[in-house]
N, C-alpha and C. Protein backbone atom coordinates (compact mmCIF):
# COMPACT_ATOMS: atom_id res chain seq x y z
N MET A 1 28.99 16.03 -19.92
CA MET A 1 30.04 16.66 -20.73
C MET A 1 30.23 15.90 -22.02
N GLU A 2 29.42 16.09 -22.95
CA GLU A 2 29.51 15.49 -24.28
C GLU A 2 30.34 14.22 -24.30
N ASN A 3 31.00 13.96 -25.39
CA ASN A 3 31.87 12.79 -25.53
C ASN A 3 33.34 13.21 -25.52
N LYS A 4 33.70 13.99 -24.54
CA LYS A 4 35.08 14.45 -24.45
C LYS A 4 35.93 13.40 -23.75
N SER A 5 37.22 13.40 -24.10
CA SER A 5 38.16 12.52 -23.41
C SER A 5 38.38 13.03 -21.99
N PHE A 6 38.91 12.16 -21.14
CA PHE A 6 39.19 12.57 -19.77
C PHE A 6 40.15 13.75 -19.75
N TYR A 7 41.17 13.73 -20.58
CA TYR A 7 42.11 14.84 -20.62
C TYR A 7 41.42 16.14 -21.04
N GLU A 8 40.52 16.08 -21.99
CA GLU A 8 39.78 17.28 -22.40
C GLU A 8 38.93 17.80 -21.24
N ARG A 9 38.33 16.89 -20.47
CA ARG A 9 37.54 17.31 -19.31
C ARG A 9 38.44 17.92 -18.24
N ILE A 10 39.67 17.39 -18.10
CA ILE A 10 40.64 17.98 -17.17
C ILE A 10 40.95 19.41 -17.59
N TYR A 11 41.26 19.61 -18.85
CA TYR A 11 41.59 20.96 -19.33
C TYR A 11 40.42 21.91 -19.13
N ASP A 12 39.20 21.44 -19.39
CA ASP A 12 38.01 22.27 -19.16
C ASP A 12 37.90 22.66 -17.69
N ALA A 13 38.14 21.69 -16.79
CA ALA A 13 38.05 21.95 -15.35
C ALA A 13 39.10 22.96 -14.92
N VAL A 14 40.32 22.82 -15.43
CA VAL A 14 41.39 23.75 -15.07
C VAL A 14 41.03 25.17 -15.51
N CYS A 15 40.36 25.28 -16.62
CA CYS A 15 39.96 26.61 -17.12
C CYS A 15 38.91 27.28 -16.24
N THR A 16 38.30 26.54 -15.30
CA THR A 16 37.32 27.15 -14.40
C THR A 16 37.97 27.79 -13.17
N ILE A 17 39.27 27.56 -12.98
CA ILE A 17 39.97 28.14 -11.82
C ILE A 17 40.18 29.63 -12.10
N PRO A 18 39.59 30.50 -11.29
CA PRO A 18 39.75 31.93 -11.56
C PRO A 18 41.15 32.43 -11.21
N PRO A 19 41.58 33.51 -11.85
CA PRO A 19 42.86 34.12 -11.46
C PRO A 19 42.84 34.44 -9.97
N GLY A 20 43.98 34.22 -9.32
CA GLY A 20 44.08 34.48 -7.89
C GLY A 20 43.64 33.32 -7.02
N LYS A 21 43.27 32.21 -7.65
CA LYS A 21 42.86 31.01 -6.92
C LYS A 21 43.65 29.82 -7.44
N VAL A 22 43.66 28.73 -6.66
CA VAL A 22 44.28 27.48 -7.08
C VAL A 22 43.29 26.35 -6.83
N ALA A 23 43.56 25.21 -7.42
CA ALA A 23 42.81 23.98 -7.17
C ALA A 23 43.83 22.86 -7.03
N THR A 24 43.43 21.80 -6.36
CA THR A 24 44.33 20.66 -6.19
C THR A 24 44.12 19.69 -7.35
N TYR A 25 45.10 18.80 -7.52
CA TYR A 25 44.99 17.77 -8.55
C TYR A 25 43.73 16.93 -8.33
N GLY A 26 43.46 16.55 -7.08
CA GLY A 26 42.28 15.76 -6.77
C GLY A 26 40.99 16.51 -7.04
N GLN A 27 40.98 17.79 -6.76
CA GLN A 27 39.80 18.62 -7.02
C GLN A 27 39.52 18.66 -8.52
N ILE A 28 40.55 18.82 -9.32
CA ILE A 28 40.38 18.85 -10.78
C ILE A 28 39.92 17.49 -11.28
N ALA A 29 40.48 16.40 -10.72
CA ALA A 29 40.05 15.06 -11.11
C ALA A 29 38.56 14.88 -10.85
N ALA A 30 38.11 15.34 -9.69
CA ALA A 30 36.69 15.23 -9.35
C ALA A 30 35.83 16.06 -10.31
N LEU A 31 36.26 17.27 -10.60
CA LEU A 31 35.51 18.12 -11.52
C LEU A 31 35.45 17.51 -12.92
N ALA A 32 36.49 16.75 -13.27
CA ALA A 32 36.56 16.12 -14.60
C ALA A 32 35.83 14.78 -14.63
N GLY A 33 35.31 14.34 -13.47
CA GLY A 33 34.51 13.14 -13.46
C GLY A 33 35.15 11.89 -12.90
N ASN A 34 36.38 12.00 -12.34
CA ASN A 34 37.02 10.82 -11.76
C ASN A 34 37.89 11.27 -10.59
N GLY A 35 37.26 11.38 -9.43
CA GLY A 35 37.94 11.90 -8.25
C GLY A 35 39.18 11.15 -7.81
N GLY A 36 39.34 9.90 -8.26
CA GLY A 36 40.50 9.12 -7.86
C GLY A 36 41.67 9.22 -8.83
N ALA A 37 41.58 10.14 -9.76
CA ALA A 37 42.59 10.19 -10.83
C ALA A 37 43.48 11.42 -10.75
N ALA A 38 43.89 11.79 -9.55
CA ALA A 38 44.73 12.98 -9.39
C ALA A 38 46.04 12.85 -10.17
N ARG A 39 46.61 11.65 -10.19
CA ARG A 39 47.87 11.44 -10.92
C ARG A 39 47.67 11.67 -12.42
N ALA A 40 46.53 11.26 -12.93
CA ALA A 40 46.23 11.48 -14.36
C ALA A 40 46.14 12.97 -14.66
N VAL A 41 45.65 13.75 -13.70
CA VAL A 41 45.60 15.21 -13.89
C VAL A 41 47.01 15.74 -14.07
N GLY A 42 47.94 15.30 -13.22
CA GLY A 42 49.33 15.71 -13.35
C GLY A 42 49.90 15.36 -14.71
N ASN A 43 49.60 14.15 -15.17
CA ASN A 43 50.08 13.72 -16.48
C ASN A 43 49.51 14.60 -17.59
N ALA A 44 48.21 14.88 -17.51
CA ALA A 44 47.56 15.71 -18.52
C ALA A 44 48.16 17.12 -18.54
N LEU A 45 48.38 17.67 -17.36
CA LEU A 45 48.91 19.04 -17.31
C LEU A 45 50.35 19.11 -17.79
N HIS A 46 51.07 18.03 -17.62
CA HIS A 46 52.47 18.00 -18.07
C HIS A 46 52.56 18.10 -19.59
N ILE A 47 51.50 17.69 -20.28
CA ILE A 47 51.48 17.79 -21.75
C ILE A 47 50.42 18.78 -22.22
N ASN A 48 50.11 19.76 -21.37
CA ASN A 48 49.13 20.79 -21.68
C ASN A 48 49.36 21.32 -23.10
N PRO A 49 48.37 21.17 -23.99
CA PRO A 49 48.56 21.60 -25.37
C PRO A 49 48.50 23.11 -25.56
N SER A 50 48.00 23.83 -24.56
CA SER A 50 47.85 25.29 -24.68
C SER A 50 48.20 25.97 -23.36
N PRO A 51 49.47 25.95 -22.96
CA PRO A 51 49.84 26.48 -21.65
C PRO A 51 49.50 27.95 -21.44
N GLY A 52 49.43 28.73 -22.49
CA GLY A 52 49.04 30.13 -22.32
C GLY A 52 47.54 30.31 -22.16
N VAL A 53 46.78 29.29 -22.48
CA VAL A 53 45.32 29.34 -22.43
C VAL A 53 44.77 28.52 -21.26
N ILE A 54 45.29 27.31 -21.08
CA ILE A 54 44.87 26.44 -19.99
C ILE A 54 45.80 26.73 -18.81
N PRO A 55 45.27 27.35 -17.74
CA PRO A 55 46.13 27.85 -16.65
C PRO A 55 46.61 26.77 -15.68
N CYS A 56 47.44 25.86 -16.18
CA CYS A 56 47.90 24.74 -15.36
C CYS A 56 48.73 25.20 -14.16
N HIS A 57 49.24 26.42 -14.20
CA HIS A 57 50.01 26.93 -13.06
C HIS A 57 49.14 27.09 -11.81
N ARG A 58 47.82 27.06 -11.97
CA ARG A 58 46.91 27.22 -10.84
C ARG A 58 46.59 25.90 -10.13
N VAL A 59 47.24 24.82 -10.52
CA VAL A 59 46.99 23.52 -9.90
C VAL A 59 48.17 23.15 -9.00
N VAL A 60 47.84 22.80 -7.76
CA VAL A 60 48.85 22.46 -6.74
C VAL A 60 48.47 21.13 -6.10
N ASN A 61 49.37 20.58 -5.29
CA ASN A 61 49.04 19.30 -4.66
C ASN A 61 48.10 19.51 -3.46
N ALA A 62 47.71 18.43 -2.83
CA ALA A 62 46.72 18.47 -1.76
C ALA A 62 47.17 19.27 -0.54
N LYS A 63 48.46 19.52 -0.44
CA LYS A 63 48.99 20.31 0.68
C LYS A 63 49.33 21.74 0.25
N GLY A 64 49.02 22.08 -1.00
CA GLY A 64 49.29 23.43 -1.49
C GLY A 64 50.66 23.59 -2.11
N ARG A 65 51.40 22.50 -2.26
CA ARG A 65 52.76 22.59 -2.80
C ARG A 65 52.73 22.77 -4.31
N LEU A 66 53.63 23.61 -4.79
CA LEU A 66 53.78 23.81 -6.23
C LEU A 66 54.34 22.55 -6.86
N ALA A 67 54.15 22.44 -8.16
CA ALA A 67 54.68 21.28 -8.90
C ALA A 67 56.20 21.35 -8.89
N PRO A 68 56.89 20.32 -8.38
CA PRO A 68 58.34 20.37 -8.33
C PRO A 68 58.98 20.38 -9.72
N HIS A 69 58.24 19.88 -10.70
CA HIS A 69 58.77 19.85 -12.07
C HIS A 69 57.75 20.49 -13.02
N PHE A 70 57.32 21.70 -12.68
CA PHE A 70 56.35 22.40 -13.52
C PHE A 70 56.88 22.41 -14.94
N ALA A 71 56.10 21.86 -15.85
CA ALA A 71 56.57 21.59 -17.22
C ALA A 71 56.89 22.84 -18.02
N PHE A 72 56.42 23.98 -17.57
CA PHE A 72 56.58 25.19 -18.38
C PHE A 72 57.45 26.22 -17.68
N GLY A 73 58.64 25.78 -17.24
CA GLY A 73 59.60 26.71 -16.66
C GLY A 73 60.02 26.40 -15.23
N GLY A 74 59.57 25.27 -14.67
CA GLY A 74 59.96 24.91 -13.31
C GLY A 74 59.09 25.59 -12.27
N ASP A 75 59.29 25.19 -11.00
CA ASP A 75 58.43 25.70 -9.94
C ASP A 75 58.61 27.20 -9.72
N GLU A 76 59.77 27.75 -10.07
CA GLU A 76 59.93 29.20 -9.92
C GLU A 76 59.04 29.95 -10.90
N GLU A 77 58.85 29.39 -12.09
CA GLU A 77 57.95 30.01 -13.06
C GLU A 77 56.50 29.88 -12.59
N GLN A 78 56.15 28.73 -12.04
CA GLN A 78 54.80 28.56 -11.50
C GLN A 78 54.57 29.58 -10.39
N GLN A 79 55.54 29.74 -9.52
CA GLN A 79 55.43 30.73 -8.44
C GLN A 79 55.28 32.13 -9.01
N ARG A 80 56.07 32.48 -10.01
CA ARG A 80 55.99 33.81 -10.61
C ARG A 80 54.59 34.06 -11.19
N LEU A 81 54.04 33.06 -11.90
CA LEU A 81 52.72 33.21 -12.50
C LEU A 81 51.63 33.37 -11.43
N LEU A 82 51.73 32.59 -10.36
CA LEU A 82 50.74 32.70 -9.28
C LEU A 82 50.85 34.05 -8.57
N GLU A 83 52.06 34.46 -8.27
CA GLU A 83 52.24 35.74 -7.59
C GLU A 83 51.76 36.91 -8.44
N ALA A 84 51.91 36.81 -9.76
CA ALA A 84 51.42 37.86 -10.65
C ALA A 84 49.90 37.98 -10.59
N GLU A 85 49.23 36.91 -10.13
CA GLU A 85 47.77 36.92 -9.97
C GLU A 85 47.35 37.24 -8.53
N GLY A 86 48.33 37.53 -7.67
CA GLY A 86 48.01 37.89 -6.30
C GLY A 86 48.03 36.75 -5.31
N VAL A 87 48.48 35.56 -5.73
CA VAL A 87 48.56 34.41 -4.83
C VAL A 87 49.90 34.46 -4.10
N GLU A 88 49.85 34.41 -2.78
CA GLU A 88 51.08 34.42 -2.00
C GLU A 88 51.65 33.00 -1.95
N VAL A 89 52.93 32.90 -2.28
CA VAL A 89 53.63 31.61 -2.24
C VAL A 89 54.76 31.73 -1.23
N VAL A 90 54.75 30.84 -0.23
CA VAL A 90 55.77 30.83 0.80
C VAL A 90 56.42 29.46 0.82
N ASP A 91 57.72 29.42 0.59
CA ASP A 91 58.48 28.17 0.61
C ASP A 91 57.83 27.12 -0.31
N HIS A 92 57.50 27.56 -1.52
CA HIS A 92 56.92 26.71 -2.57
C HIS A 92 55.53 26.16 -2.21
N HIS A 93 54.83 26.82 -1.29
CA HIS A 93 53.50 26.41 -0.88
C HIS A 93 52.52 27.58 -0.97
N VAL A 94 51.26 27.21 -1.23
CA VAL A 94 50.15 28.16 -1.24
C VAL A 94 49.23 27.79 -0.08
N ASP A 95 48.72 28.77 0.64
CA ASP A 95 47.78 28.52 1.72
C ASP A 95 46.41 28.19 1.10
N LEU A 96 46.02 26.93 1.19
CA LEU A 96 44.78 26.48 0.56
C LEU A 96 43.55 27.11 1.24
N LYS A 97 43.64 27.39 2.54
CA LYS A 97 42.49 28.01 3.22
C LYS A 97 42.19 29.39 2.61
N THR A 98 43.21 30.05 2.13
CA THR A 98 43.04 31.39 1.57
C THR A 98 42.79 31.36 0.06
N TYR A 99 43.51 30.51 -0.66
CA TYR A 99 43.52 30.62 -2.12
C TYR A 99 42.82 29.50 -2.88
N GLN A 100 42.37 28.44 -2.19
CA GLN A 100 41.75 27.34 -2.92
C GLN A 100 40.39 27.72 -3.47
N MET A 101 40.15 27.38 -4.71
CA MET A 101 38.87 27.59 -5.35
C MET A 101 37.84 26.71 -4.63
N ARG A 102 36.70 27.28 -4.34
CA ARG A 102 35.62 26.51 -3.67
C ARG A 102 34.48 26.27 -4.62
């Protein structure tokens, strides 16, 4: 991946998540080249420079939980965005067996 910063690689990885699917922070970290940097993924998404373009709402924790402090409207907004794509959210969780990007 050229000479991109880690955050740029995170944003590129997030853009590979198709509508109707989610990925975990750790999964995005691995796709961006540093599987141990899940926390850095959260930090990068919190300052997402293009929230309408980079679909950070499709990233959940390792147990499928929505971001408790989703930077772009709270977890209810994250839930609304996911449900609009056909992802079922129950009690602020997504079933990873059904919706996780493989």
